[in-house]
Amino acid sequence: LWRRPSPLLFGITILYMVFLLLELFISRRFRRAFGHVRDAMIRKPVSLASIRLVDPATRRIIQTRVTTAGGQYLMLAPHGDYRLQFAHPRYQSLQHRVAVRPAAGSPVVFDAALTPRSDQIQ
């Protein structure tokens, strides 16, 4: 940008700064929430489990995520009190009440252990 200024390079630099400021704003307003979903009996990761973040006052679904093959999920949660719902066809559903509070640099971790349904145990 400094050696050969051009409108394209100047535009890319401005766009980069806008995205950087947006990232800073989002990181202050939201906290990264991640966790693991495992089988309660054998501690094996549960893939393709759905996780819903629900506002208990309005019963509105704020976010929905699906776990990876390793049973992990990542969620950006705004500050507030919520209910996390974990579901998978082979397991009993599970709910947790969570409170997302602002704190600098510390992620919020939600781990769940799902119990297999009685008709799925072999």
PDB file of N, CA and C in Angstrom:
ATOM      1  N   LEU A   1       0.823  -1.184   0.000  1.00  0.00           N
ATOM      2  CA  LEU A   1       0.000   0.000   0.000  1.00  0.00           C
ATOM      3  C   LEU A   1       0.873   1.256   0.000  1.00  0.00           C
ATOM      4  N   TRP A   2       2.004   1.212   0.697  1.00  0.00           N
ATOM      5  CA  TRP A   2       2.833   2.415   0.809  1.00  0.00           C
ATOM      6  C   TRP A   2       3.737   2.610  -0.405  1.00  0.00           C
ATOM      7  N   ARG A   3       4.206   1.516  -1.011  1.00  0.00           N
ATOM      8  CA  ARG A   3       5.103   1.646  -2.175  1.00  0.00           C
ATOM      9  C   ARG A   3       4.356   2.065  -3.425  1.00  0.00           C
ATOM     10  N   ARG A   4       3.259   1.380  -3.684  1.00  0.00           N
ATOM     11  CA  ARG A   4       2.466   1.676  -4.888  1.00  0.00           C
ATOM     12  C   ARG A   4       0.997   1.809  -4.496  1.00  0.00           C
ATOM     13  N   PRO A   5       0.612   2.951  -4.012  1.00  0.00           N
ATOM     14  CA  PRO A   5      -0.792   3.102  -3.610  1.00  0.00           C
ATOM     15  C   PRO A   5      -1.728   3.020  -4.823  1.00  0.00           C
ATOM     16  N   SER A   6      -2.782   2.286  -4.619  1.00  0.00           N
ATOM     17  CA  SER A   6      -3.802   2.190  -5.665  1.00  0.00           C
ATOM     18  C   SER A   6      -5.163   2.137  -4.977  1.00  0.00           C
ATOM     19  N   PRO A   7      -6.202   2.477  -5.687  1.00  0.00           N
ATOM     20  CA  PRO A   7      -7.545   2.429  -5.079  1.00  0.00           C
ATOM     21  C   PRO A   7      -7.910   1.016  -4.600  1.00  0.00           C
ATOM     22  N   LEU A   8      -7.473  -0.020  -5.325  1.00  0.00           N
ATOM     23  CA  LEU A   8      -7.778  -1.390  -4.926  1.00  0.00           C
ATOM     24  C   LEU A   8      -7.110  -1.733  -3.599  1.00  0.00           C
ATOM     25  N   LEU A   9      -5.818  -1.447  -3.466  1.00  0.00           N
ATOM     26  CA  LEU A   9      -5.118  -1.735  -2.217  1.00  0.00           C
ATOM     27  C   LEU A   9      -5.676  -0.910  -1.062  1.00  0.00           C
ATOM     28  N   PHE A  10      -6.006   0.335  -1.342  1.00  0.00           N
ATOM     29  CA  PHE A  10      -6.586   1.179  -0.312  1.00  0.00           C
ATOM     30  C   PHE A  10      -7.944   0.623   0.140  1.00  0.00           C
ATOM     31  N   GLY A  11      -8.750   0.184  -0.795  1.00  0.00           N
ATOM     32  CA  GLY A  11     -10.055  -0.414  -0.478  1.00  0.00           C
ATOM     33  C   GLY A  11      -9.915  -1.692   0.331  1.00  0.00           C
ATOM     34  N   ILE A  12      -8.952  -2.549  -0.038  1.00  0.00           N
ATOM     35  CA  ILE A  12      -8.728  -3.788   0.707  1.00  0.00           C
ATOM     36  C   ILE A  12      -8.285  -3.483   2.131  1.00  0.00           C
ATOM     37  N   THR A  13      -7.418  -2.490   2.287  1.00  0.00           N
ATOM     38  CA  THR A  13      -6.951  -2.116   3.629  1.00  0.00           C
ATOM     39  C   THR A  13      -8.099  -1.589   4.484  1.00  0.00           C
ATOM     40  N   ILE A  14      -8.942  -0.760   3.920  1.00  0.00           N
ATOM     41  CA  ILE A  14     -10.099  -0.232   4.657  1.00  0.00           C
ATOM     42  C   ILE A  14     -11.041  -1.381   5.036  1.00  0.00           C
ATOM     43  N   LEU A  15     -11.294  -2.290   4.111  1.00  0.00           N
ATOM     44  CA  LEU A  15     -12.155  -3.435   4.380  1.00  0.00           C
ATOM     45  C   LEU A  15     -11.574  -4.307   5.497  1.00  0.00           C
ATOM     46  N   TYR A  16     -10.262  -4.510   5.466  1.00  0.00           N
ATOM     47  CA  TYR A  16      -9.594  -5.286   6.508  1.00  0.00           C
ATOM     48  C   TYR A  16      -9.787  -4.616   7.875  1.00  0.00           C
ATOM     49  N   MET A  17      -9.661  -3.314   7.941  1.00  0.00           N
ATOM     50  CA  MET A  17      -9.831  -2.588   9.204  1.00  0.00           C
ATOM     51  C   MET A  17     -11.275  -2.671   9.694  1.00  0.00           C
ATOM     52  N   VAL A  18     -12.225  -2.604   8.781  1.00  0.00           N
ATOM     53  CA  VAL A  18     -13.632  -2.730   9.166  1.00  0.00           C
ATOM     54  C   VAL A  18     -13.888  -4.104   9.765  1.00  0.00           C
ATOM     55  N   PHE A  19     -13.380  -5.154   9.129  1.00  0.00           N
ATOM     56  CA  PHE A  19     -13.560  -6.509   9.663  1.00  0.00           C
ATOM     57  C   PHE A  19     -12.852  -6.685  11.001  1.00  0.00           C
ATOM     58  N   LEU A  20     -11.707  -6.077  11.175  1.00  0.00           N
ATOM     59  CA  LEU A  20     -10.989  -6.144  12.443  1.00  0.00           C
ATOM     60  C   LEU A  20     -11.798  -5.474  13.553  1.00  0.00           C
ATOM     61  N   LEU A  21     -12.349  -4.308  13.281  1.00  0.00           N
ATOM     62  CA  LEU A  21     -13.192  -3.630  14.270  1.00  0.00           C
ATOM     63  C   LEU A  21     -14.465  -4.429  14.567  1.00  0.00           C
ATOM     64  N   LEU A  22     -15.044  -5.038  13.543  1.00  0.00           N
ATOM     65  CA  LEU A  22     -16.220  -5.882  13.741  1.00  0.00           C
ATOM     66  C   LEU A  22     -15.890  -7.077  14.626  1.00  0.00           C
ATOM     67  N   GLU A  23     -14.750  -7.692  14.405  1.00  0.00           N
ATOM     68  CA  GLU A  23     -14.328  -8.822  15.229  1.00  0.00           C
ATOM     69  C   GLU A  23     -14.137  -8.389  16.685  1.00  0.00           C
ATOM     70  N   LEU A  24     -13.538  -7.235  16.910  1.00  0.00           N
ATOM     71  CA  LEU A  24     -13.364  -6.731  18.270  1.00  0.00           C
ATOM     72  C   LEU A  24     -14.707  -6.466  18.939  1.00  0.00           C
ATOM     73  N   PHE A  25     -15.641  -5.885  18.192  1.00  0.00           N
ATOM     74  CA  PHE A  25     -16.974  -5.623  18.731  1.00  0.00           C
ATOM     75  C   PHE A  25     -17.673  -6.925  19.107  1.00  0.00           C
ATOM     76  N   ILE A  26     -17.628  -7.907  18.229  1.00  0.00           N
ATOM     77  CA  ILE A  26     -18.287  -9.192  18.484  1.00  0.00           C
ATOM     78  C   ILE A  26     -17.642  -9.905  19.663  1.00  0.00           C
ATOM     79  N   SER A  27     -16.316  -9.875  19.756  1.00  0.00           N
ATOM     80  CA  SER A  27     -15.644 -10.568  20.861  1.00  0.00           C
ATOM     81  C   SER A  27     -15.973  -9.935  22.210  1.00  0.00           C
ATOM     82  N   ARG A  28     -16.272  -8.653  22.244  1.00  0.00           N
ATOM     83  CA  ARG A  28     -16.664  -8.012  23.498  1.00  0.00           C
ATOM     84  C   ARG A  28     -18.130  -8.275  23.835  1.00  0.00           C
ATOM     85  N   ARG A  29     -18.951  -8.387  22.821  1.00  0.00           N
ATOM     86  CA  ARG A  29     -20.386  -8.564  23.047  1.00  0.00           C
ATOM     87  C   ARG A  29     -20.761 -10.028  23.264  1.00  0.00           C
ATOM     88  N   PHE A  30     -20.056 -10.928  22.641  1.00  0.00           N
ATOM     89  CA  PHE A  30     -20.368 -12.352  22.731  1.00  0.00           C
ATOM     90  C   PHE A  30     -19.177 -13.088  23.322  1.00  0.00           C
ATOM     91  N   ARG A  31     -19.464 -14.229  23.915  1.00  0.00           N
ATOM     92  CA  ARG A  31     -18.408 -15.091  24.430  1.00  0.00           C
ATOM     93  C   ARG A  31     -18.477 -16.408  23.681  1.00  0.00           C
ATOM     94  N   ARG A  32     -17.327 -16.956  23.385  1.00  0.00           N
ATOM     95  CA  ARG A  32     -17.317 -18.255  22.729  1.00  0.00           C
ATOM     96  C   ARG A  32     -17.738 -19.332  23.723  1.00  0.00           C
ATOM     97  N   ALA A  33     -18.695 -20.119  23.318  1.00  0.00           N
ATOM     98  CA  ALA A  33     -19.147 -21.227  24.152  1.00  0.00           C
ATOM     99  C   ALA A  33     -18.925 -22.505  23.374  1.00  0.00           C
ATOM    100  N   PHE A  34     -18.178 -23.424  23.927  1.00  0.00           N
ATOM    101  CA  PHE A  34     -17.950 -24.679  23.245  1.00  0.00           C
ATOM    102  C   PHE A  34     -18.011 -25.800  24.251  1.00  0.00           C
ATOM    103  N   GLY A  35     -18.241 -26.970  23.773  1.00  0.00           N
ATOM    104  CA  GLY A  35     -18.336 -28.095  24.682  1.00  0.00           C
ATOM    105  C   GLY A  35     -18.299 -29.410  23.947  1.00  0.00           C
ATOM    106  N   HIS A  36     -18.485 -30.460  24.727  1.00  0.00           N
ATOM    107  CA  HIS A  36     -18.456 -31.828  24.214  1.00  0.00           C
ATOM    108  C   HIS A  36     -19.735 -32.539  24.628  1.00  0.00           C
ATOM    109  N   VAL A  37     -20.209 -33.402  23.770  1.00  0.00           N
ATOM    110  CA  VAL A  37     -21.344 -34.256  24.082  1.00  0.00           C
ATOM    111  C   VAL A  37     -20.845 -35.689  23.994  1.00  0.00           C
ATOM    112  N   ARG A  38     -21.014 -36.423  25.095  1.00  0.00           N
ATOM    113  CA  ARG A  38     -20.510 -37.798  25.178  1.00  0.00           C
ATOM    114  C   ARG A  38     -21.610 -38.746  25.629  1.00  0.00           C
ATOM    115  N   ASP A  39     -21.398 -40.022  25.347  1.00  0.00           N
ATOM    116  CA  ASP A  39     -22.257 -41.088  25.841  1.00  0.00           C
ATOM    117  C   ASP A  39     -21.984 -41.226  27.332  1.00  0.00           C
ATOM    118  N   ALA A  40     -23.028 -41.243  28.161  1.00  0.00           N
ATOM    119  CA  ALA A  40     -22.856 -41.297  29.613  1.00  0.00           C
ATOM    120  C   ALA A  40     -22.300 -42.638  30.085  1.00  0.00           C
ATOM    121  N   MET A  41     -22.516 -43.696  29.333  1.00  0.00           N
ATOM    122  CA  MET A  41     -22.072 -45.020  29.778  1.00  0.00           C
ATOM    123  C   MET A  41     -20.639 -45.331  29.359  1.00  0.00           C
ATOM    124  N   ILE A  42     -20.327 -45.085  28.091  1.00  0.00           N
ATOM    125  CA  ILE A  42     -19.000 -45.480  27.596  1.00  0.00           C
ATOM    126  C   ILE A  42     -18.091 -44.297  27.303  1.00  0.00           C
ATOM    127  N   ARG A  43     -18.587 -43.079  27.554  1.00  0.00           N
ATOM    128  CA  ARG A  43     -17.815 -41.839  27.382  1.00  0.00           C
ATOM    129  C   ARG A  43     -17.351 -41.595  25.948  1.00  0.00           C
ATOM    130  N   LYS A  44     -17.976 -42.242  24.989  1.00  0.00           N
ATOM    131  CA  LYS A  44     -17.661 -42.059  23.572  1.00  0.00           C
ATOM    132  C   LYS A  44     -18.334 -40.774  23.076  1.00  0.00           C
ATOM    133  N   PRO A  45     -17.649 -39.984  22.227  1.00  0.00           N
ATOM    134  CA  PRO A  45     -18.274 -38.772  21.689  1.00  0.00           C
ATOM    135  C   PRO A  45     -19.533 -39.097  20.884  1.00  0.00           C
ATOM    136  N   VAL A  46     -20.526 -38.256  21.007  1.00  0.00           N
ATOM    137  CA  VAL A  46     -21.787 -38.412  20.280  1.00  0.00           C
ATOM    138  C   VAL A  46     -21.773 -37.424  19.115  1.00  0.00           C
ATOM    139  N   SER A  47     -21.713 -37.956  17.917  1.00  0.00           N
ATOM    140  CA  SER A  47     -21.735 -37.085  16.738  1.00  0.00           C
ATOM    141  C   SER A  47     -23.171 -36.835  16.302  1.00  0.00           C
ATOM    142  N   LEU A  48     -23.378 -35.719  15.646  1.00  0.00           N
ATOM    143  CA  LEU A  48     -24.666 -35.303  15.089  1.00  0.00           C
ATOM    144  C   LEU A  48     -25.763 -35.127  16.145  1.00  0.00           C
ATOM    145  N   ALA A  49     -25.370 -34.771  17.353  1.00  0.00           N
ATOM    146  CA  ALA A  49     -26.355 -34.400  18.373  1.00  0.00           C
ATOM    147  C   ALA A  49     -26.711 -32.934  18.150  1.00  0.00           C
ATOM    148  N   SER A  50     -27.959 -32.593  18.368  1.00  0.00           N
ATOM    149  CA  SER A  50     -28.359 -31.189  18.186  1.00  0.00           C
ATOM    150  C   SER A  50     -28.374 -30.484  19.542  1.00  0.00           C
ATOM    151  N   ILE A  51     -27.902 -29.251  19.532  1.00  0.00           N
ATOM    152  CA  ILE A  51     -27.864 -28.425  20.731  1.00  0.00           C
ATOM    153  C   ILE A  51     -28.621 -27.150  20.424  1.00  0.00           C
ATOM    154  N   ARG A  52     -29.578 -26.824  21.275  1.00  0.00           N
ATOM    155  CA  ARG A  52     -30.358 -25.599  21.097  1.00  0.00           C
ATOM    156  C   ARG A  52     -30.162 -24.700  22.309  1.00  0.00           C
ATOM    157  N   LEU A  53     -29.974 -23.437  22.036  1.00  0.00           N
ATOM    158  CA  LEU A  53     -29.900 -22.412  23.070  1.00  0.00           C
ATOM    159  C   LEU A  53     -31.247 -21.703  23.059  1.00  0.00           C
ATOM    160  N   VAL A  54     -32.006 -21.827  24.151  1.00  0.00           N
ATOM    161  CA  VAL A  54     -33.379 -21.335  24.202  1.00  0.00           C
ATOM    162  C   VAL A  54     -33.499 -20.276  25.293  1.00  0.00           C
ATOM    163  N   ASP A  55     -34.197 -19.190  24.971  1.00  0.00           N
ATOM    164  CA  ASP A  55     -34.517 -18.172  25.962  1.00  0.00           C
ATOM    165  C   ASP A  55     -35.716 -18.691  26.752  1.00  0.00           C
ATOM    166  N   PRO A  56     -35.564 -18.958  28.067  1.00  0.00           N
ATOM    167  CA  PRO A  56     -36.681 -19.546  28.822  1.00  0.00           C
ATOM    168  C   PRO A  56     -37.877 -18.610  28.977  1.00  0.00           C
ATOM    169  N   ALA A  57     -37.652 -17.310  28.947  1.00  0.00           N
ATOM    170  CA  ALA A  57     -38.764 -16.363  29.120  1.00  0.00           C
ATOM    171  C   ALA A  57     -39.682 -16.358  27.900  1.00  0.00           C
ATOM    172  N   THR A  58     -39.103 -16.343  26.712  1.00  0.00           N
ATOM    173  CA  THR A  58     -39.908 -16.267  25.489  1.00  0.00           C
ATOM    174  C   THR A  58     -40.039 -17.611  24.783  1.00  0.00           C
ATOM    175  N   ARG A  59     -39.266 -18.599  25.229  1.00  0.00           N
ATOM    176  CA  ARG A  59     -39.201 -19.928  24.593  1.00  0.00           C
ATOM    177  C   ARG A  59     -38.738 -19.849  23.145  1.00  0.00           C
ATOM    178  N   ARG A  60     -38.012 -18.793  22.843  1.00  0.00           N
ATOM    179  CA  ARG A  60     -37.476 -18.595  21.493  1.00  0.00           C
ATOM    180  C   ARG A  60     -36.126 -19.276  21.373  1.00  0.00           C
ATOM    181  N   ILE A  61     -35.907 -19.988  20.260  1.00  0.00           N
ATOM    182  CA  ILE A  61     -34.619 -20.620  20.004  1.00  0.00           C
ATOM    183  C   ILE A  61     -33.653 -19.538  19.539  1.00  0.00           C
ATOM    184  N   ILE A  62     -32.570 -19.359  20.274  1.00  0.00           N
ATOM    185  CA  ILE A  62     -31.575 -18.351  19.950  1.00  0.00           C
ATOM    186  C   ILE A  62     -30.596 -18.899  18.915  1.00  0.00           C
ATOM    187  N   GLN A  63     -30.105 -20.119  19.141  1.00  0.00           N
ATOM    188  CA  GLN A  63     -29.162 -20.756  18.222  1.00  0.00           C
ATOM    189  C   GLN A  63     -29.361 -22.261  18.248  1.00  0.00           C
ATOM    190  N   THR A  64     -28.970 -22.900  17.158  1.00  0.00           N
ATOM    191  CA  THR A  64     -28.971 -24.352  17.069  1.00  0.00           C
ATOM    192  C   THR A  64     -27.643 -24.784  16.474  1.00  0.00           C
ATOM    193  N   ARG A  65     -27.039 -25.795  17.055  1.00  0.00           N
ATOM    194  CA  ARG A  65     -25.776 -26.338  16.560  1.00  0.00           C
ATOM    195  C   ARG A  65     -25.869 -27.854  16.516  1.00  0.00           C
ATOM    196  N   VAL A  66     -24.971 -28.459  15.735  1.00  0.00           N
ATOM    197  CA  VAL A  66     -24.866 -29.917  15.635  1.00  0.00           C
ATOM    198  C   VAL A  66     -23.425 -30.294  15.940  1.00  0.00           C
ATOM    199  N   THR A  67     -23.247 -31.368  16.705  1.00  0.00           N
ATOM    200  CA  THR A  67     -21.894 -31.769  17.089  1.00  0.00           C
ATOM    201  C   THR A  67     -21.138 -32.381  15.914  1.00  0.00           C
ATOM    202  N   THR A  68     -19.817 -32.280  15.992  1.00  0.00           N
ATOM    203  CA  THR A  68     -18.925 -32.850  14.983  1.00  0.00           C
ATOM    204  C   THR A  68     -18.769 -34.342  15.240  1.00  0.00           C
ATOM    205  N   ALA A  69     -17.944 -34.999  14.445  1.00  0.00           N
ATOM    206  CA  ALA A  69     -17.677 -36.425  14.636  1.00  0.00           C
ATOM    207  C   ALA A  69     -17.018 -36.685  15.993  1.00  0.00           C
ATOM    208  N   GLY A  70     -16.327 -35.698  16.529  1.00  0.00           N
ATOM    209  CA  GLY A  70     -15.701 -35.829  17.839  1.00  0.00           C
ATOM    210  C   GLY A  70     -16.593 -35.399  18.985  1.00  0.00           C
ATOM    211  N   GLY A  71     -17.864 -35.110  18.720  1.00  0.00           N
ATOM    212  CA  GLY A  71     -18.802 -34.717  19.756  1.00  0.00           C
ATOM    213  C   GLY A  71     -18.658 -33.281  20.214  1.00  0.00           C
ATOM    214  N   GLN A  72     -17.978 -32.440  19.443  1.00  0.00           N
ATOM    215  CA  GLN A  72     -17.746 -31.049  19.826  1.00  0.00           C
ATOM    216  C   GLN A  72     -18.716 -30.120  19.119  1.00  0.00           C
ATOM    217  N   TYR A  73     -18.971 -28.987  19.765  1.00  0.00           N
ATOM    218  CA  TYR A  73     -19.769 -27.934  19.139  1.00  0.00           C
ATOM    219  C   TYR A  73     -19.236 -26.590  19.603  1.00  0.00           C
ATOM    220  N   LEU A  74     -19.497 -25.572  18.812  1.00  0.00           N
ATOM    221  CA  LEU A  74     -19.061 -24.217  19.115  1.00  0.00           C
ATOM    222  C   LEU A  74     -20.248 -23.291  18.977  1.00  0.00           C
ATOM    223  N   MET A  75     -20.408 -22.396  19.957  1.00  0.00           N
ATOM    224  CA  MET A  75     -21.563 -21.511  19.941  1.00  0.00           C
ATOM    225  C   MET A  75     -21.158 -20.129  20.445  1.00  0.00           C
ATOM    226  N   LEU A  76     -21.621 -19.092  19.787  1.00  0.00           N
ATOM    227  CA  LEU A  76     -21.470 -17.728  20.275  1.00  0.00           C
ATOM    228  C   LEU A  76     -22.774 -17.346  20.951  1.00  0.00           C
ATOM    229  N   ALA A  77     -22.702 -17.128  22.245  1.00  0.00           N
ATOM    230  CA  ALA A  77     -23.917 -16.855  22.997  1.00  0.00           C
ATOM    231  C   ALA A  77     -23.904 -15.435  23.536  1.00  0.00           C
ATOM    232  N   PRO A  78     -24.959 -14.665  23.283  1.00  0.00           N
ATOM    233  CA  PRO A  78     -25.052 -13.346  23.897  1.00  0.00           C
ATOM    234  C   PRO A  78     -25.222 -13.488  25.416  1.00  0.00           C
ATOM    235  N   HIS A  79     -24.929 -12.446  26.147  1.00  0.00           N
ATOM    236  CA  HIS A  79     -25.055 -12.487  27.600  1.00  0.00           C
ATOM    237  C   HIS A  79     -26.511 -12.684  27.986  1.00  0.00           C
ATOM    238  N   GLY A  80     -26.741 -13.516  29.016  1.00  0.00           N
ATOM    239  CA  GLY A  80     -28.102 -13.743  29.489  1.00  0.00           C
ATOM    240  C   GLY A  80     -28.259 -15.110  30.115  1.00  0.00           C
ATOM    241  N   ASP A  81     -29.470 -15.415  30.536  1.00  0.00           N
ATOM    242  CA  ASP A  81     -29.820 -16.713  31.117  1.00  0.00           C
ATOM    243  C   ASP A  81     -30.553 -17.535  30.070  1.00  0.00           C
ATOM    244  N   TYR A  82     -30.140 -18.792  29.914  1.00  0.00           N
ATOM    245  CA  TYR A  82     -30.679 -19.637  28.853  1.00  0.00           C
ATOM    246  C   TYR A  82     -30.909 -21.051  29.346  1.00  0.00           C
ATOM    247  N   ARG A  83     -31.531 -21.830  28.470  1.00  0.00           N
ATOM    248  CA  ARG A  83     -31.676 -23.268  28.656  1.00  0.00           C
ATOM    249  C   ARG A  83     -31.027 -23.935  27.451  1.00  0.00           C
ATOM    250  N   LEU A  84     -30.108 -24.863  27.704  1.00  0.00           N
ATOM    251  CA  LEU A  84     -29.477 -25.639  26.633  1.00  0.00           C
ATOM    252  C   LEU A  84     -30.212 -26.960  26.522  1.00  0.00           C
ATOM    253  N   GLN A  85     -30.592 -27.324  25.320  1.00  0.00           N
ATOM    254  CA  GLN A  85     -31.280 -28.589  25.077  1.00  0.00           C
ATOM    255  C   GLN A  85     -30.394 -29.455  24.188  1.00  0.00           C
ATOM    256  N   PHE A  86     -30.103 -30.656  24.650  1.00  0.00           N
ATOM    257  CA  PHE A  86     -29.293 -31.614  23.899  1.00  0.00           C
ATOM    258  C   PHE A  86     -30.216 -32.737  23.447  1.00  0.00           C
ATOM    259  N   ALA A  87     -30.129 -33.118  22.164  1.00  0.00           N
ATOM    260  CA  ALA A  87     -30.997 -34.170  21.643  1.00  0.00           C
ATOM    261  C   ALA A  87     -30.260 -35.003  20.602  1.00  0.00           C
ATOM    262  N   HIS A  88     -30.582 -36.282  20.579  1.00  0.00           N
ATOM    263  CA  HIS A  88     -30.073 -37.225  19.584  1.00  0.00           C
ATOM    264  C   HIS A  88     -31.067 -38.386  19.546  1.00  0.00           C
ATOM    265  N   PRO A  89     -31.349 -38.950  18.367  1.00  0.00           N
ATOM    266  CA  PRO A  89     -32.353 -40.020  18.284  1.00  0.00           C
ATOM    267  C   PRO A  89     -32.046 -41.244  19.144  1.00  0.00           C
ATOM    268  N   ARG A  90     -30.782 -41.557  19.377  1.00  0.00           N
ATOM    269  CA  ARG A  90     -30.421 -42.755  20.151  1.00  0.00           C
ATOM    270  C   ARG A  90     -30.296 -42.504  21.654  1.00  0.00           C
ATOM    271  N   TYR A  91     -30.467 -41.249  22.066  1.00  0.00           N
ATOM    272  CA  TYR A  91     -30.249 -40.889  23.466  1.00  0.00           C
ATOM    273  C   TYR A  91     -31.439 -40.133  24.024  1.00  0.00           C
ATOM    274  N   GLN A  92     -31.560 -40.164  25.362  1.00  0.00           N
ATOM    275  CA  GLN A  92     -32.584 -39.385  26.038  1.00  0.00           C
ATOM    276  C   GLN A  92     -32.194 -37.912  25.980  1.00  0.00           C
ATOM    277  N   SER A  93     -33.164 -37.060  25.794  1.00  0.00           N
ATOM    278  CA  SER A  93     -32.901 -35.615  25.737  1.00  0.00           C
ATOM    279  C   SER A  93     -32.439 -35.122  27.102  1.00  0.00           C
ATOM    280  N   LEU A  94     -31.701 -34.027  27.074  1.00  0.00           N
ATOM    281  CA  LEU A  94     -31.144 -33.462  28.291  1.00  0.00           C
ATOM    282  C   LEU A  94     -31.250 -31.946  28.216  1.00  0.00           C
ATOM    283  N   GLN A  95     -31.538 -31.306  29.357  1.00  0.00           N
ATOM    284  CA  GLN A  95     -31.616 -29.851  29.416  1.00  0.00           C
ATOM    285  C   GLN A  95     -30.763 -29.341  30.566  1.00  0.00           C
ATOM    286  N   HIS A  96     -30.127 -28.193  30.348  1.00  0.00           N
ATOM    287  CA  HIS A  96     -29.329 -27.528  31.381  1.00  0.00           C
ATOM    288  C   HIS A  96     -29.690 -26.058  31.378  1.00  0.00           C
ATOM    289  N   ARG A  97     -29.777 -25.472  32.550  1.00  0.00           N
ATOM    290  CA  ARG A  97     -29.898 -24.010  32.649  1.00  0.00           C
ATOM    291  C   ARG A  97     -28.490 -23.447  32.692  1.00  0.00           C
ATOM    292  N   VAL A  98     -28.253 -22.405  31.920  1.00  0.00           N
ATOM    293  CA  VAL A  98     -26.932 -21.787  31.869  1.00  0.00           C
ATOM    294  C   VAL A  98     -27.074 -20.268  31.967  1.00  0.00           C
ATOM    295  N   ALA A  99     -26.039 -19.665  32.528  1.00  0.00           N
ATOM    296  CA  ALA A  99     -25.976 -18.209  32.607  1.00  0.00           C
ATOM    297  C   ALA A  99     -24.698 -17.778  31.917  1.00  0.00           C
ATOM    298  N   VAL A 100     -24.825 -16.989  30.878  1.00  0.00           N
ATOM    299  CA  VAL A 100     -23.667 -16.476  30.151  1.00  0.00           C
ATOM    300  C   VAL A 100     -23.406 -15.072  30.672  1.00  0.00           C
ATOM    301  N   ARG A 101     -22.258 -14.899  31.305  1.00  0.00           N
ATOM    302  CA  ARG A 101     -21.880 -13.620  31.900  1.00  0.00           C
ATOM    303  C   ARG A 101     -20.593 -13.115  31.274  1.00  0.00           C
ATOM    304  N   PRO A 102     -20.435 -11.790  31.189  1.00  0.00           N
ATOM    305  CA  PRO A 102     -19.203 -11.246  30.599  1.00  0.00           C
ATOM    306  C   PRO A 102     -17.997 -11.500  31.491  1.00  0.00           C
ATOM    307  N   ALA A 103     -16.929 -11.961  30.876  1.00  0.00           N
ATOM    308  CA  ALA A 103     -15.637 -12.126  31.547  1.00  0.00           C
ATOM    309  C   ALA A 103     -14.576 -12.092  30.463  1.00  0.00           C
ATOM    310  N   ALA A 104     -13.515 -11.409  30.707  1.00  0.00           N
ATOM    311  CA  ALA A 104     -12.488 -11.209  29.685  1.00  0.00           C
ATOM    312  C   ALA A 104     -11.666 -12.467  29.463  1.00  0.00           C
ATOM    313  N   GLY A 105     -11.648 -12.940  28.249  1.00  0.00           N
ATOM    314  CA  GLY A 105     -10.751 -13.990  27.813  1.00  0.00           C
ATOM    315  C   GLY A 105     -11.044 -15.403  28.260  1.00  0.00           C
ATOM    316  N   SER A 106     -12.140 -15.682  28.949  1.00  0.00           N
ATOM    317  CA  SER A 106     -12.400 -17.055  29.373  1.00  0.00           C
ATOM    318  C   SER A 106     -13.620 -17.610  28.646  1.00  0.00           C
ATOM    319  N   PRO A 107     -13.462 -18.719  27.948  1.00  0.00           N
ATOM    320  CA  PRO A 107     -14.604 -19.300  27.231  1.00  0.00           C
ATOM    321  C   PRO A 107     -15.577 -19.973  28.194  1.00  0.00           C
ATOM    322  N   VAL A 108     -16.812 -20.111  27.764  1.00  0.00           N
ATOM    323  CA  VAL A 108     -17.829 -20.818  28.531  1.00  0.00           C
ATOM    324  C   VAL A 108     -17.920 -22.225  27.959  1.00  0.00           C
ATOM    325  N   VAL A 109     -17.785 -23.232  28.812  1.00  0.00           N
ATOM    326  CA  VAL A 109     -17.781 -24.618  28.355  1.00  0.00           C
ATOM    327  C   VAL A 109     -19.024 -25.324  28.870  1.00  0.00           C
ATOM    328  N   PHE A 110     -19.768 -25.940  27.966  1.00  0.00           N
ATOM    329  CA  PHE A 110     -20.938 -26.730  28.317  1.00  0.00           C
ATOM    330  C   PHE A 110     -20.683 -28.167  27.860  1.00  0.00           C
ATOM    331  N   ASP A 111     -20.499 -29.072  28.797  1.00  0.00           N
ATOM    332  CA  ASP A 111     -20.297 -30.482  28.467  1.00  0.00           C
ATOM    333  C   ASP A 111     -21.534 -31.262  28.906  1.00  0.00           C
ATOM    334  N   ALA A 112     -21.914 -32.241  28.100  1.00  0.00           N
ATOM    335  CA  ALA A 112     -23.104 -33.024  28.411  1.00  0.00           C
ATOM    336  C   ALA A 112     -22.811 -34.508  28.217  1.00  0.00           C
ATOM    337  N   ALA A 113     -23.427 -35.307  29.062  1.00  0.00           N
ATOM    338  CA  ALA A 113     -23.354 -36.761  28.947  1.00  0.00           C
ATOM    339  C   ALA A 113     -24.765 -37.276  28.712  1.00  0.00           C
ATOM    340  N   LEU A 114     -25.017 -37.819  27.532  1.00  0.00           N
ATOM    341  CA  LEU A 114     -26.341 -38.306  27.168  1.00  0.00           C
ATOM    342  C   LEU A 114     -26.480 -39.781  27.505  1.00  0.00           C
ATOM    343  N   THR A 115     -27.616 -40.134  28.082  1.00  0.00           N
ATOM    344  CA  THR A 115     -27.906 -41.520  28.446  1.00  0.00           C
ATOM    345  C   THR A 115     -28.609 -42.205  27.276  1.00  0.00           C
ATOM    346  N   PRO A 116     -28.101 -43.404  26.866  1.00  0.00           N
ATOM    347  CA  PRO A 116     -28.774 -44.118  25.766  1.00  0.00           C
ATOM    348  C   PRO A 116     -30.209 -44.480  26.142  1.00  0.00           C
ATOM    349  N   ARG A 117     -31.086 -44.469  25.135  1.00  0.00           N
ATOM    350  CA  ARG A 117     -32.466 -44.901  25.359  1.00  0.00           C
ATOM    351  C   ARG A 117     -32.458 -46.387  25.678  1.00  0.00           C
ATOM    352  N   SER A 118     -33.429 -46.819  26.456  1.00  0.00           N
ATOM    353  CA  SER A 118     -33.470 -48.223  26.879  1.00  0.00           C
ATOM    354  C   SER A 118     -33.619 -49.186  25.701  1.00  0.00           C
ATOM    355  N   ASP A 119     -34.274 -48.757  24.623  1.00  0.00           N
ATOM    356  CA  ASP A 119     -34.421 -49.623  23.451  1.00  0.00           C
ATOM    357  C   ASP A 119     -33.162 -49.624  22.592  1.00  0.00           C
ATOM    358  N   GLN A 120     -32.171 -48.775  22.893  1.00  0.00           N
ATOM    359  CA  GLN A 120     -30.928 -48.711  22.117  1.00  0.00           C
ATOM    360  C   GLN A 120     -29.790 -49.486  22.807  1.00  0.00           C
ATOM    361  N   ILE A 121     -29.939 -49.838  24.084  1.00  0.00           N
ATOM    362  CA  ILE A 121     -28.882 -50.552  24.791  1.00  0.00           C
ATOM    363  C   ILE A 121     -28.890 -52.000  24.367  1.00  0.00           C
ATOM    364  N   GLN A 122     -27.691 -52.497  24.028  1.00  0.00           N
ATOM    365  CA  GLN A 122     -27.601 -53.884  23.560  1.00  0.00           C
ATOM    366  C   GLN A 122     -26.896 -54.744  24.569  1.00  0.00           C
TER     367      GLN A 122
END
